Amino acid sequence: MHGMSENLLDLLGGSIGKAILQKEKQEQFLQVENIINGLETQDIITMMNQAKVIYDKENVNSILEYMMICMYSKARENKVFINCIETINHAMANLKRNCNFDMTLDTMLFEMWETVRKGM
């Protein structure tokens, strides 16, 4: 589809049905990608303000899956992003165990920011 990032196409996995459903969420996924791209350069407050798009209870699983795809893509450039994948997996597991939604995502974002910053 025209205008979609390579990471978003990876998330869709060639499924036309998924592409139609995700087309309306394309802006949300682009914001997620901007957050990940900014982990290396932005301060924690700016990153947390931009990350409000992640706090979507209905779509959190697809957002976190997309974040993992973006992390794999970023890991090609900088290996420190591999550690962030584990952080996202841990957050997904906590959400499945009904842990506090906001606290789980806050912790995930803080840990990712700290991991990337320490690895620079």
PDB file of N, CA and C in Angstrom:
ATOM      1  N   MET A   1       0.849  -1.182   0.000  1.00  0.00           N
ATOM      2  CA  MET A   1       0.000   0.000   0.000  1.00  0.00           C
ATOM      3  C   MET A   1       0.884   1.231   0.000  1.00  0.00           C
ATOM      4  N   HIS A   2       0.476   2.213  -0.732  1.00  0.00           N
ATOM      5  CA  HIS A   2       1.267   3.420  -0.883  1.00  0.00           C
ATOM      6  C   HIS A   2       1.323   4.204   0.418  1.00  0.00           C
ATOM      7  N   GLY A   3       2.500   4.669   0.792  1.00  0.00           N
ATOM      8  CA  GLY A   3       2.672   5.507   1.963  1.00  0.00           C
ATOM      9  C   GLY A   3       2.893   4.763   3.261  1.00  0.00           C
ATOM     10  N   MET A   4       2.889   3.439   3.244  1.00  0.00           N
ATOM     11  CA  MET A   4       3.112   2.671   4.467  1.00  0.00           C
ATOM     12  C   MET A   4       4.597   2.376   4.613  1.00  0.00           C
ATOM     13  N   SER A   5       5.063   2.404   5.847  1.00  0.00           N
ATOM     14  CA  SER A   5       6.460   2.089   6.099  1.00  0.00           C
ATOM     15  C   SER A   5       6.700   0.597   5.941  1.00  0.00           C
ATOM     16  N   GLU A   6       7.952   0.241   5.774  1.00  0.00           N
ATOM     17  CA  GLU A   6       8.320  -1.173   5.637  1.00  0.00           C
ATOM     18  C   GLU A   6       7.951  -1.952   6.902  1.00  0.00           C
ATOM     19  N   ASN A   7       8.110  -1.316   8.073  1.00  0.00           N
ATOM     20  CA  ASN A   7       7.752  -1.976   9.332  1.00  0.00           C
ATOM     21  C   ASN A   7       6.256  -2.282   9.398  1.00  0.00           C
ATOM     22  N   LEU A   8       5.442  -1.353   8.922  1.00  0.00           N
ATOM     23  CA  LEU A   8       3.999  -1.566   8.944  1.00  0.00           C
ATOM     24  C   LEU A   8       3.620  -2.690   7.990  1.00  0.00           C
ATOM     25  N   LEU A   9       4.279  -2.767   6.862  1.00  0.00           N
ATOM     26  CA  LEU A   9       4.015  -3.864   5.930  1.00  0.00           C
ATOM     27  C   LEU A   9       4.425  -5.199   6.533  1.00  0.00           C
ATOM     28  N   ASP A  10       5.511  -5.221   7.315  1.00  0.00           N
ATOM     29  CA  ASP A  10       5.914  -6.445   8.009  1.00  0.00           C
ATOM     30  C   ASP A  10       4.841  -6.890   8.997  1.00  0.00           C
ATOM     31  N   LEU A  11       4.239  -5.939   9.697  1.00  0.00           N
ATOM     32  CA  LEU A  11       3.184  -6.260  10.657  1.00  0.00           C
ATOM     33  C   LEU A  11       1.989  -6.907   9.963  1.00  0.00           C
ATOM     34  N   LEU A  12       1.672  -6.433   8.778  1.00  0.00           N
ATOM     35  CA  LEU A  12       0.509  -6.945   8.054  1.00  0.00           C
ATOM     36  C   LEU A  12       0.745  -8.342   7.510  1.00  0.00           C
ATOM     37  N   GLY A  13       1.989  -8.712   7.288  1.00  0.00           N
ATOM     38  CA  GLY A  13       2.321 -10.065   6.869  1.00  0.00           C
ATOM     39  C   GLY A  13       1.661 -10.515   5.579  1.00  0.00           C
ATOM     40  N   GLY A  14       1.380  -9.611   4.676  1.00  0.00           N
ATOM     41  CA  GLY A  14       0.801  -9.979   3.393  1.00  0.00           C
ATOM     42  C   GLY A  14      -0.701 -10.187   3.421  1.00  0.00           C
ATOM     43  N   SER A  15      -1.345  -9.962   4.535  1.00  0.00           N
ATOM     44  CA  SER A  15      -2.780 -10.178   4.660  1.00  0.00           C
ATOM     45  C   SER A  15      -3.550  -8.932   4.214  1.00  0.00           C
ATOM     46  N   ILE A  16      -4.395  -9.095   3.214  1.00  0.00           N
ATOM     47  CA  ILE A  16      -5.201  -7.972   2.729  1.00  0.00           C
ATOM     48  C   ILE A  16      -6.208  -7.554   3.791  1.00  0.00           C
ATOM     49  N   GLY A  17      -6.756  -8.533   4.499  1.00  0.00           N
ATOM     50  CA  GLY A  17      -7.719  -8.229   5.565  1.00  0.00           C
ATOM     51  C   GLY A  17      -7.103  -7.376   6.658  1.00  0.00           C
ATOM     52  N   LYS A  18      -5.883  -7.740   7.068  1.00  0.00           N
ATOM     53  CA  LYS A  18      -5.181  -6.938   8.073  1.00  0.00           C
ATOM     54  C   LYS A  18      -4.871  -5.549   7.533  1.00  0.00           C
ATOM     55  N   ALA A  19      -4.512  -5.478   6.269  1.00  0.00           N
ATOM     56  CA  ALA A  19      -4.175  -4.184   5.666  1.00  0.00           C
ATOM     57  C   ALA A  19      -5.365  -3.246   5.694  1.00  0.00           C
ATOM     58  N   ILE A  20      -6.534  -3.765   5.406  1.00  0.00           N
ATOM     59  CA  ILE A  20      -7.739  -2.928   5.421  1.00  0.00           C
ATOM     60  C   ILE A  20      -8.030  -2.445   6.836  1.00  0.00           C
ATOM     61  N   LEU A  21      -7.912  -3.355   7.819  1.00  0.00           N
ATOM     62  CA  LEU A  21      -8.174  -2.976   9.210  1.00  0.00           C
ATOM     63  C   LEU A  21      -7.138  -1.981   9.729  1.00  0.00           C
ATOM     64  N   GLN A  22      -5.870  -2.161   9.351  1.00  0.00           N
ATOM     65  CA  GLN A  22      -4.801  -1.321   9.881  1.00  0.00           C
ATOM     66  C   GLN A  22      -4.668   0.010   9.152  1.00  0.00           C
ATOM     67  N   LYS A  23      -5.268   0.134   7.972  1.00  0.00           N
ATOM     68  CA  LYS A  23      -5.169   1.377   7.201  1.00  0.00           C
ATOM     69  C   LYS A  23      -5.641   2.563   8.034  1.00  0.00           C
ATOM     70  N   GLU A  24      -6.734   2.369   8.776  1.00  0.00           N
ATOM     71  CA  GLU A  24      -7.273   3.453   9.587  1.00  0.00           C
ATOM     72  C   GLU A  24      -6.391   3.764  10.797  1.00  0.00           C
ATOM     73  N   LYS A  25      -5.521   2.827  11.165  1.00  0.00           N
ATOM     74  CA  LYS A  25      -4.628   3.042  12.305  1.00  0.00           C
ATOM     75  C   LYS A  25      -3.225   3.437  11.865  1.00  0.00           C
ATOM     76  N   GLN A  26      -3.048   3.708  10.596  1.00  0.00           N
ATOM     77  CA  GLN A  26      -1.726   3.989  10.050  1.00  0.00           C
ATOM     78  C   GLN A  26      -1.060   5.169  10.768  1.00  0.00           C
ATOM     79  N   GLU A  27      -1.797   6.211  11.043  1.00  0.00           N
ATOM     80  CA  GLU A  27      -1.229   7.388  11.721  1.00  0.00           C
ATOM     81  C   GLU A  27      -0.736   7.018  13.118  1.00  0.00           C
ATOM     82  N   GLN A  28      -1.489   6.185  13.809  1.00  0.00           N
ATOM     83  CA  GLN A  28      -1.099   5.734  15.142  1.00  0.00           C
ATOM     84  C   GLN A  28       0.218   4.954  15.074  1.00  0.00           C
ATOM     85  N   PHE A  29       0.359   4.077  14.088  1.00  0.00           N
ATOM     86  CA  PHE A  29       1.586   3.305  13.939  1.00  0.00           C
ATOM     87  C   PHE A  29       2.768   4.190  13.552  1.00  0.00           C
ATOM     88  N   LEU A  30       2.528   5.218  12.757  1.00  0.00           N
ATOM     89  CA  LEU A  30       3.610   6.135  12.406  1.00  0.00           C
ATOM     90  C   LEU A  30       4.077   6.917  13.633  1.00  0.00           C
ATOM     91  N   GLN A  31       3.157   7.255  14.524  1.00  0.00           N
ATOM     92  CA  GLN A  31       3.533   7.927  15.772  1.00  0.00           C
ATOM     93  C   GLN A  31       4.364   7.001  16.650  1.00  0.00           C
ATOM     94  N   VAL A  32       4.004   5.722  16.689  1.00  0.00           N
ATOM     95  CA  VAL A  32       4.779   4.738  17.450  1.00  0.00           C
ATOM     96  C   VAL A  32       6.194   4.646  16.892  1.00  0.00           C
ATOM     97  N   GLU A  33       6.303   4.617  15.578  1.00  0.00           N
ATOM     98  CA  GLU A  33       7.613   4.555  14.937  1.00  0.00           C
ATOM     99  C   GLU A  33       8.450   5.792  15.280  1.00  0.00           C
ATOM    100  N   ASN A  34       7.823   6.952  15.330  1.00  0.00           N
ATOM    101  CA  ASN A  34       8.529   8.185  15.702  1.00  0.00           C
ATOM    102  C   ASN A  34       9.026   8.126  17.143  1.00  0.00           C
ATOM    103  N   ILE A  35       8.246   7.526  18.017  1.00  0.00           N
ATOM    104  CA  ILE A  35       8.665   7.375  19.416  1.00  0.00           C
ATOM    105  C   ILE A  35       9.924   6.517  19.483  1.00  0.00           C
ATOM    106  N   ILE A  36       9.915   5.409  18.779  1.00  0.00           N
ATOM    107  CA  ILE A  36      11.064   4.502  18.798  1.00  0.00           C
ATOM    108  C   ILE A  36      12.285   5.152  18.179  1.00  0.00           C
ATOM    109  N   ASN A  37      12.073   5.865  17.086  1.00  0.00           N
ATOM    110  CA  ASN A  37      13.202   6.557  16.450  1.00  0.00           C
ATOM    111  C   ASN A  37      13.771   7.654  17.345  1.00  0.00           C
ATOM    112  N   GLY A  38      12.951   8.194  18.246  1.00  0.00           N
ATOM    113  CA  GLY A  38      13.394   9.257  19.129  1.00  0.00           C
ATOM    114  C   GLY A  38      14.026   8.784  20.430  1.00  0.00           C
ATOM    115  N   LEU A  39      14.039   7.477  20.678  1.00  0.00           N
ATOM    116  CA  LEU A  39      14.617   6.973  21.924  1.00  0.00           C
ATOM    117  C   LEU A  39      16.073   7.401  22.091  1.00  0.00           C
ATOM    118  N   GLU A  40      16.798   7.501  21.001  1.00  0.00           N
ATOM    119  CA  GLU A  40      18.219   7.843  21.065  1.00  0.00           C
ATOM    120  C   GLU A  40      18.464   9.333  21.284  1.00  0.00           C
ATOM    121  N   THR A  41      17.508  10.164  20.912  1.00  0.00           N
ATOM    122  CA  THR A  41      17.762  11.607  20.924  1.00  0.00           C
ATOM    123  C   THR A  41      16.886  12.417  21.869  1.00  0.00           C
ATOM    124  N   GLN A  42      15.703  11.916  22.207  1.00  0.00           N
ATOM    125  CA  GLN A  42      14.773  12.716  22.997  1.00  0.00           C
ATOM    126  C   GLN A  42      14.969  12.505  24.491  1.00  0.00           C
ATOM    127  N   ASP A  43      14.621  13.549  25.246  1.00  0.00           N
ATOM    128  CA  ASP A  43      14.643  13.395  26.690  1.00  0.00           C
ATOM    129  C   ASP A  43      13.406  12.595  27.110  1.00  0.00           C
ATOM    130  N   ILE A  44      13.420  12.096  28.327  1.00  0.00           N
ATOM    131  CA  ILE A  44      12.379  11.192  28.811  1.00  0.00           C
ATOM    132  C   ILE A  44      10.999  11.847  28.840  1.00  0.00           C
ATOM    133  N   ILE A  45      10.926  13.120  29.163  1.00  0.00           N
ATOM    134  CA  ILE A  45       9.635  13.800  29.257  1.00  0.00           C
ATOM    135  C   ILE A  45       9.007  13.950  27.881  1.00  0.00           C
ATOM    136  N   THR A  46       9.789  14.332  26.901  1.00  0.00           N
ATOM    137  CA  THR A  46       9.282  14.453  25.534  1.00  0.00           C
ATOM    138  C   THR A  46       8.802  13.106  25.026  1.00  0.00           C
ATOM    139  N   MET A  47       9.596  12.072  25.284  1.00  0.00           N
ATOM    140  CA  MET A  47       9.230  10.738  24.829  1.00  0.00           C
ATOM    141  C   MET A  47       7.927  10.276  25.482  1.00  0.00           C
ATOM    142  N   MET A  48       7.773  10.494  26.776  1.00  0.00           N
ATOM    143  CA  MET A  48       6.558  10.074  27.477  1.00  0.00           C
ATOM    144  C   MET A  48       5.338  10.849  26.981  1.00  0.00           C
ATOM    145  N   ASN A  49       5.517  12.118  26.667  1.00  0.00           N
ATOM    146  CA  ASN A  49       4.400  12.902  26.120  1.00  0.00           C
ATOM    147  C   ASN A  49       3.978  12.389  24.752  1.00  0.00           C
ATOM    148  N   GLN A  50       4.937  12.017  23.931  1.00  0.00           N
ATOM    149  CA  GLN A  50       4.614  11.475  22.610  1.00  0.00           C
ATOM    150  C   GLN A  50       4.002  10.083  22.717  1.00  0.00           C
ATOM    151  N   ALA A  51       4.334   9.356  23.765  1.00  0.00           N
ATOM    152  CA  ALA A  51       3.926   7.959  23.905  1.00  0.00           C
ATOM    153  C   ALA A  51       2.463   7.790  24.306  1.00  0.00           C
ATOM    154  N   LYS A  52       1.732   8.858  24.460  1.00  0.00           N
ATOM    155  CA  LYS A  52       0.321   8.734  24.848  1.00  0.00           C
ATOM    156  C   LYS A  52      -0.479   7.903  23.852  1.00  0.00           C
ATOM    157  N   VAL A  53      -0.019   7.844  22.626  1.00  0.00           N
ATOM    158  CA  VAL A  53      -0.688   7.063  21.586  1.00  0.00           C
ATOM    159  C   VAL A  53      -0.652   5.563  21.900  1.00  0.00           C
ATOM    160  N   ILE A  54       0.314   5.136  22.681  1.00  0.00           N
ATOM    161  CA  ILE A  54       0.459   3.722  23.031  1.00  0.00           C
ATOM    162  C   ILE A  54      -0.622   3.276  24.022  1.00  0.00           C
ATOM    163  N   TYR A  55      -1.139   4.183  24.793  1.00  0.00           N
ATOM    164  CA  TYR A  55      -2.092   3.860  25.858  1.00  0.00           C
ATOM    165  C   TYR A  55      -3.511   3.691  25.312  1.00  0.00           C
ATOM    166  N   ASP A  56      -3.655   2.839  24.336  1.00  0.00           N
ATOM    167  CA  ASP A  56      -4.932   2.531  23.694  1.00  0.00           C
ATOM    168  C   ASP A  56      -5.279   1.087  24.044  1.00  0.00           C
ATOM    169  N   LYS A  57      -6.166   0.906  25.021  1.00  0.00           N
ATOM    170  CA  LYS A  57      -6.462  -0.431  25.538  1.00  0.00           C
ATOM    171  C   LYS A  57      -7.007  -1.376  24.473  1.00  0.00           C
ATOM    172  N   GLU A  58      -7.763  -0.861  23.528  1.00  0.00           N
ATOM    173  CA  GLU A  58      -8.343  -1.714  22.493  1.00  0.00           C
ATOM    174  C   GLU A  58      -7.296  -2.240  21.520  1.00  0.00           C
ATOM    175  N   ASN A  59      -6.261  -1.463  21.280  1.00  0.00           N
ATOM    176  CA  ASN A  59      -5.280  -1.811  20.253  1.00  0.00           C
ATOM    177  C   ASN A  59      -3.884  -2.060  20.809  1.00  0.00           C
ATOM    178  N   VAL A  60      -3.761  -2.215  22.103  1.00  0.00           N
ATOM    179  CA  VAL A  60      -2.436  -2.302  22.712  1.00  0.00           C
ATOM    180  C   VAL A  60      -1.633  -3.484  22.189  1.00  0.00           C
ATOM    181  N   ASN A  61      -2.274  -4.610  21.935  1.00  0.00           N
ATOM    182  CA  ASN A  61      -1.520  -5.768  21.452  1.00  0.00           C
ATOM    183  C   ASN A  61      -0.924  -5.520  20.074  1.00  0.00           C
ATOM    184  N   SER A  62      -1.698  -4.944  19.168  1.00  0.00           N
ATOM    185  CA  SER A  62      -1.153  -4.671  17.835  1.00  0.00           C
ATOM    186  C   SER A  62      -0.098  -3.565  17.900  1.00  0.00           C
ATOM    187  N   ILE A  63      -0.251  -2.621  18.818  1.00  0.00           N
ATOM    188  CA  ILE A  63       0.751  -1.567  18.975  1.00  0.00           C
ATOM    189  C   ILE A  63       2.060  -2.163  19.483  1.00  0.00           C
ATOM    190  N   LEU A  64       1.975  -3.036  20.481  1.00  0.00           N
ATOM    191  CA  LEU A  64       3.190  -3.650  21.027  1.00  0.00           C
ATOM    192  C   LEU A  64       3.851  -4.577  20.007  1.00  0.00           C
ATOM    193  N   GLU A  65       3.053  -5.298  19.221  1.00  0.00           N
ATOM    194  CA  GLU A  65       3.616  -6.124  18.154  1.00  0.00           C
ATOM    195  C   GLU A  65       4.356  -5.255  17.142  1.00  0.00           C
ATOM    196  N   TYR A  66       3.762  -4.126  16.808  1.00  0.00           N
ATOM    197  CA  TYR A  66       4.406  -3.207  15.866  1.00  0.00           C
ATOM    198  C   TYR A  66       5.695  -2.639  16.461  1.00  0.00           C
ATOM    199  N   MET A  67       5.672  -2.361  17.750  1.00  0.00           N
ATOM    200  CA  MET A  67       6.891  -1.857  18.401  1.00  0.00           C
ATOM    201  C   MET A  67       8.014  -2.887  18.300  1.00  0.00           C
ATOM    202  N   MET A  68       7.678  -4.166  18.448  1.00  0.00           N
ATOM    203  CA  MET A  68       8.706  -5.205  18.345  1.00  0.00           C
ATOM    204  C   MET A  68       9.270  -5.266  16.926  1.00  0.00           C
ATOM    205  N   ILE A  69       8.422  -5.133  15.924  1.00  0.00           N
ATOM    206  CA  ILE A  69       8.905  -5.118  14.545  1.00  0.00           C
ATOM    207  C   ILE A  69       9.837  -3.941  14.321  1.00  0.00           C
ATOM    208  N   CYS A  70       9.466  -2.782  14.853  1.00  0.00           N
ATOM    209  CA  CYS A  70      10.327  -1.602  14.726  1.00  0.00           C
ATOM    210  C   CYS A  70      11.658  -1.808  15.444  1.00  0.00           C
ATOM    211  N   MET A  71      11.619  -2.469  16.595  1.00  0.00           N
ATOM    212  CA  MET A  71      12.854  -2.733  17.337  1.00  0.00           C
ATOM    213  C   MET A  71      13.779  -3.669  16.566  1.00  0.00           C
ATOM    214  N   TYR A  72      13.206  -4.683  15.925  1.00  0.00           N
ATOM    215  CA  TYR A  72      14.027  -5.569  15.094  1.00  0.00           C
ATOM    216  C   TYR A  72      14.682  -4.778  13.966  1.00  0.00           C
ATOM    217  N   SER A  73      13.927  -3.882  13.387  1.00  0.00           N
ATOM    218  CA  SER A  73      14.466  -3.053  12.307  1.00  0.00           C
ATOM    219  C   SER A  73      15.592  -2.151  12.823  1.00  0.00           C
ATOM    220  N   LYS A  74      15.380  -1.541  13.980  1.00  0.00           N
ATOM    221  CA  LYS A  74      16.401  -0.660  14.567  1.00  0.00           C
ATOM    222  C   LYS A  74      17.632  -1.447  15.021  1.00  0.00           C
ATOM    223  N   ALA A  75      17.435  -2.717  15.404  1.00  0.00           N
ATOM    224  CA  ALA A  75      18.548  -3.539  15.880  1.00  0.00           C
ATOM    225  C   ALA A  75      19.567  -3.800  14.771  1.00  0.00           C
ATOM    226  N   ARG A  76      19.149  -3.670  13.529  1.00  0.00           N
ATOM    227  CA  ARG A  76      20.096  -3.814  12.418  1.00  0.00           C
ATOM    228  C   ARG A  76      21.141  -2.702  12.441  1.00  0.00           C
ATOM    229  N   GLU A  77      20.734  -1.531  12.942  1.00  0.00           N
ATOM    230  CA  GLU A  77      21.627  -0.377  13.022  1.00  0.00           C
ATOM    231  C   GLU A  77      22.382  -0.332  14.353  1.00  0.00           C
ATOM    232  N   ASN A  78      21.689  -0.713  15.431  1.00  0.00           N
ATOM    233  CA  ASN A  78      22.237  -0.591  16.774  1.00  0.00           C
ATOM    234  C   ASN A  78      21.739  -1.771  17.610  1.00  0.00           C
ATOM    235  N   LYS A  79      22.651  -2.626  18.011  1.00  0.00           N
ATOM    236  CA  LYS A  79      22.294  -3.873  18.709  1.00  0.00           C
ATOM    237  C   LYS A  79      21.608  -3.652  20.054  1.00  0.00           C
ATOM    238  N   VAL A  80      21.705  -2.466  20.618  1.00  0.00           N
ATOM    239  CA  VAL A  80      21.099  -2.203  21.930  1.00  0.00           C
ATOM    240  C   VAL A  80      19.570  -2.344  21.875  1.00  0.00           C
ATOM    241  N   PHE A  81      18.991  -2.191  20.689  1.00  0.00           N
ATOM    242  CA  PHE A  81      17.537  -2.292  20.555  1.00  0.00           C
ATOM    243  C   PHE A  81      17.036  -3.719  20.741  1.00  0.00           C
ATOM    244  N   ILE A  82      17.928  -4.697  20.652  1.00  0.00           N
ATOM    245  CA  ILE A  82      17.530  -6.086  20.900  1.00  0.00           C
ATOM    246  C   ILE A  82      17.033  -6.238  22.334  1.00  0.00           C
ATOM    247  N   ASN A  83      17.663  -5.539  23.264  1.00  0.00           N
ATOM    248  CA  ASN A  83      17.247  -5.600  24.673  1.00  0.00           C
ATOM    249  C   ASN A  83      15.844  -5.032  24.877  1.00  0.00           C
ATOM    250  N   CYS A  84      15.449  -4.097  24.029  1.00  0.00           N
ATOM    251  CA  CYS A  84      14.115  -3.506  24.151  1.00  0.00           C
ATOM    252  C   CYS A  84      13.022  -4.503  23.780  1.00  0.00           C
ATOM    253  N   ILE A  85      13.348  -5.461  22.922  1.00  0.00           N
ATOM    254  CA  ILE A  85      12.377  -6.471  22.528  1.00  0.00           C
ATOM    255  C   ILE A  85      11.966  -7.297  23.745  1.00  0.00           C
ATOM    256  N   GLU A  86      12.928  -7.639  24.579  1.00  0.00           N
ATOM    257  CA  GLU A  86      12.628  -8.376  25.802  1.00  0.00           C
ATOM    258  C   GLU A  86      11.737  -7.554  26.730  1.00  0.00           C
ATOM    259  N   THR A  87      11.985  -6.260  26.801  1.00  0.00           N
ATOM    260  CA  THR A  87      11.172  -5.370  27.631  1.00  0.00           C
ATOM    261  C   THR A  87       9.726  -5.348  27.144  1.00  0.00           C
ATOM    262  N   ILE A  88       9.531  -5.306  25.834  1.00  0.00           N
ATOM    263  CA  ILE A  88       8.175  -5.304  25.269  1.00  0.00           C
ATOM    264  C   ILE A  88       7.497  -6.646  25.539  1.00  0.00           C
ATOM    265  N   ASN A  89       8.219  -7.734  25.371  1.00  0.00           N
ATOM    266  CA  ASN A  89       7.658  -9.062  25.663  1.00  0.00           C
ATOM    267  C   ASN A  89       7.217  -9.163  27.118  1.00  0.00           C
ATOM    268  N   HIS A  90       8.024  -8.629  28.022  1.00  0.00           N
ATOM    269  CA  HIS A  90       7.690  -8.642  29.449  1.00  0.00           C
ATOM    270  C   HIS A  90       6.415  -7.835  29.701  1.00  0.00           C
ATOM    271  N   ALA A  91       6.288  -6.690  29.049  1.00  0.00           N
ATOM    272  CA  ALA A  91       5.087  -5.861  29.208  1.00  0.00           C
ATOM    273  C   ALA A  91       3.856  -6.594  28.676  1.00  0.00           C
ATOM    274  N   MET A  92       3.995  -7.269  27.545  1.00  0.00           N
ATOM    275  CA  MET A  92       2.864  -8.021  26.990  1.00  0.00           C
ATOM    276  C   MET A  92       2.422  -9.126  27.955  1.00  0.00           C
ATOM    277  N   ALA A  93       3.395  -9.807  28.550  1.00  0.00           N
ATOM    278  CA  ALA A  93       3.073 -10.866  29.517  1.00  0.00           C
ATOM    279  C   ALA A  93       2.375 -10.281  30.743  1.00  0.00           C
ATOM    280  N   ASN A  94       2.843  -9.147  31.217  1.00  0.00           N
ATOM    281  CA  ASN A  94       2.209  -8.511  32.376  1.00  0.00           C
ATOM    282  C   ASN A  94       0.772  -8.088  32.070  1.00  0.00           C
ATOM    283  N   LEU A  95       0.539  -7.584  30.867  1.00  0.00           N
ATOM    284  CA  LEU A  95      -0.819  -7.187  30.503  1.00  0.00           C
ATOM    285  C   LEU A  95      -1.741  -8.401  30.430  1.00  0.00           C
ATOM    286  N   LYS A  96      -1.228  -9.524  29.978  1.00  0.00           N
ATOM    287  CA  LYS A  96      -2.035 -10.754  29.940  1.00  0.00           C
ATOM    288  C   LYS A  96      -2.369 -11.243  31.342  1.00  0.00           C
ATOM    289  N   ARG A  97      -1.500 -10.920  32.303  1.00  0.00           N
ATOM    290  CA  ARG A  97      -1.743 -11.308  33.701  1.00  0.00           C
ATOM    291  C   ARG A  97      -2.573 -10.267  34.441  1.00  0.00           C
ATOM    292  N   ASN A  98      -3.124  -9.323  33.705  1.00  0.00           N
ATOM    293  CA  ASN A  98      -3.976  -8.269  34.258  1.00  0.00           C
ATOM    294  C   ASN A  98      -3.254  -7.336  35.217  1.00  0.00           C
ATOM    295  N   CYS A  99      -1.983  -7.090  34.979  1.00  0.00           N
ATOM    296  CA  CYS A  99      -1.261  -6.080  35.757  1.00  0.00           C
ATOM    297  C   CYS A  99      -1.808  -4.701  35.389  1.00  0.00           C
ATOM    298  N   ASN A 100      -1.512  -3.735  36.218  1.00  0.00           N
ATOM    299  CA  ASN A 100      -1.973  -2.379  35.984  1.00  0.00           C
ATOM    300  C   ASN A 100      -1.527  -1.910  34.601  1.00  0.00           C
ATOM    301  N   PHE A 101      -2.492  -1.523  33.768  1.00  0.00           N
ATOM    302  CA  PHE A 101      -2.241  -1.162  32.370  1.00  0.00           C
ATOM    303  C   PHE A 101      -1.261  -0.003  32.249  1.00  0.00           C
ATOM    304  N   ASP A 102      -1.585   1.121  32.884  1.00  0.00           N
ATOM    305  CA  ASP A 102      -0.746   2.314  32.764  1.00  0.00           C
ATOM    306  C   ASP A 102       0.648   2.096  33.345  1.00  0.00           C
ATOM    307  N   MET A 103       0.705   1.450  34.499  1.00  0.00           N
ATOM    308  CA  MET A 103       1.996   1.226  35.134  1.00  0.00           C
ATOM    309  C   MET A 103       2.873   0.299  34.292  1.00  0.00           C
ATOM    310  N   THR A 104       2.271  -0.708  33.688  1.00  0.00           N
ATOM    311  CA  THR A 104       3.024  -1.632  32.842  1.00  0.00           C
ATOM    312  C   THR A 104       3.633  -0.904  31.655  1.00  0.00           C
ATOM    313  N   LEU A 105       2.835  -0.068  30.996  1.00  0.00           N
ATOM    314  CA  LEU A 105       3.347   0.661  29.835  1.00  0.00           C
ATOM    315  C   LEU A 105       4.353   1.727  30.245  1.00  0.00           C
ATOM    316  N   ASP A 106       4.110   2.404  31.372  1.00  0.00           N
ATOM    317  CA  ASP A 106       5.084   3.382  31.876  1.00  0.00           C
ATOM    318  C   ASP A 106       6.438   2.720  32.112  1.00  0.00           C
ATOM    319  N   THR A 107       6.409   1.589  32.803  1.00  0.00           N
ATOM    320  CA  THR A 107       7.644   0.866  33.119  1.00  0.00           C
ATOM    321  C   THR A 107       8.353   0.427  31.843  1.00  0.00           C
ATOM    322  N   MET A 108       7.596  -0.075  30.887  1.00  0.00           N
ATOM    323  CA  MET A 108       8.177  -0.505  29.617  1.00  0.00           C
ATOM    324  C   MET A 108       8.887   0.660  28.922  1.00  0.00           C
ATOM    325  N   LEU A 109       8.222   1.799  28.854  1.00  0.00           N
ATOM    326  CA  LEU A 109       8.805   2.955  28.175  1.00  0.00           C
ATOM    327  C   LEU A 109      10.054   3.465  28.892  1.00  0.00           C
ATOM    328  N   PHE A 110       9.993   3.541  30.222  1.00  0.00           N
ATOM    329  CA  PHE A 110      11.165   3.979  30.985  1.00  0.00           C
ATOM    330  C   PHE A 110      12.346   3.033  30.780  1.00  0.00           C
ATOM    331  N   GLU A 111      12.072   1.725  30.825  1.00  0.00           N
ATOM    332  CA  GLU A 111      13.145   0.748  30.657  1.00  0.00           C
ATOM    333  C   GLU A 111      13.734   0.801  29.248  1.00  0.00           C
ATOM    334  N   MET A 112      12.891   0.979  28.242  1.00  0.00           N
ATOM    335  CA  MET A 112      13.407   1.078  26.875  1.00  0.00           C
ATOM    336  C   MET A 112      14.280   2.318  26.722  1.00  0.00           C
ATOM    337  N   TRP A 113      13.814   3.448  27.249  1.00  0.00           N
ATOM    338  CA  TRP A 113      14.586   4.686  27.139  1.00  0.00           C
ATOM    339  C   TRP A 113      15.935   4.537  27.852  1.00  0.00           C
ATOM    340  N   GLU A 114      15.902   3.967  29.052  1.00  0.00           N
ATOM    341  CA  GLU A 114      17.120   3.784  29.819  1.00  0.00           C
ATOM    342  C   GLU A 114      18.083   2.807  29.128  1.00  0.00           C
ATOM    343  N   THR A 115      17.548   1.738  28.576  1.00  0.00           N
ATOM    344  CA  THR A 115      18.374   0.743  27.873  1.00  0.00           C
ATOM    345  C   THR A 115      19.079   1.368  26.684  1.00  0.00           C
ATOM    346  N   VAL A 116      18.354   2.119  25.904  1.00  0.00           N
ATOM    347  CA  VAL A 116      18.943   2.750  24.709  1.00  0.00           C
ATOM    348  C   VAL A 116      19.977   3.784  25.133  1.00  0.00           C
ATOM    349  N   ARG A 117      19.673   4.574  26.145  1.00  0.00           N
ATOM    350  CA  ARG A 117      20.595   5.618  26.601  1.00  0.00           C
ATOM    351  C   ARG A 117      21.884   5.039  27.165  1.00  0.00           C
ATOM    352  N   LYS A 118      21.778   3.949  27.913  1.00  0.00           N
ATOM    353  CA  LYS A 118      22.978   3.316  28.485  1.00  0.00           C
ATOM    354  C   LYS A 118      23.826   2.667  27.401  1.00  0.00           C
ATOM    355  N   GLY A 119      23.175   2.215  26.325  1.00  0.00           N
ATOM    356  CA  GLY A 119      23.883   1.545  25.250  1.00  0.00           C
ATOM    357  C   GLY A 119      24.543   2.464  24.254  1.00  0.00           C
ATOM    358  N   MET A 120      24.339   3.755  24.399  1.00  0.00           N
ATOM    359  CA  MET A 120      24.920   4.709  23.439  1.00  0.00           C
ATOM    360  C   MET A 120      26.366   4.995  23.736  1.00  0.00           C
TER     361      MET A 120
END
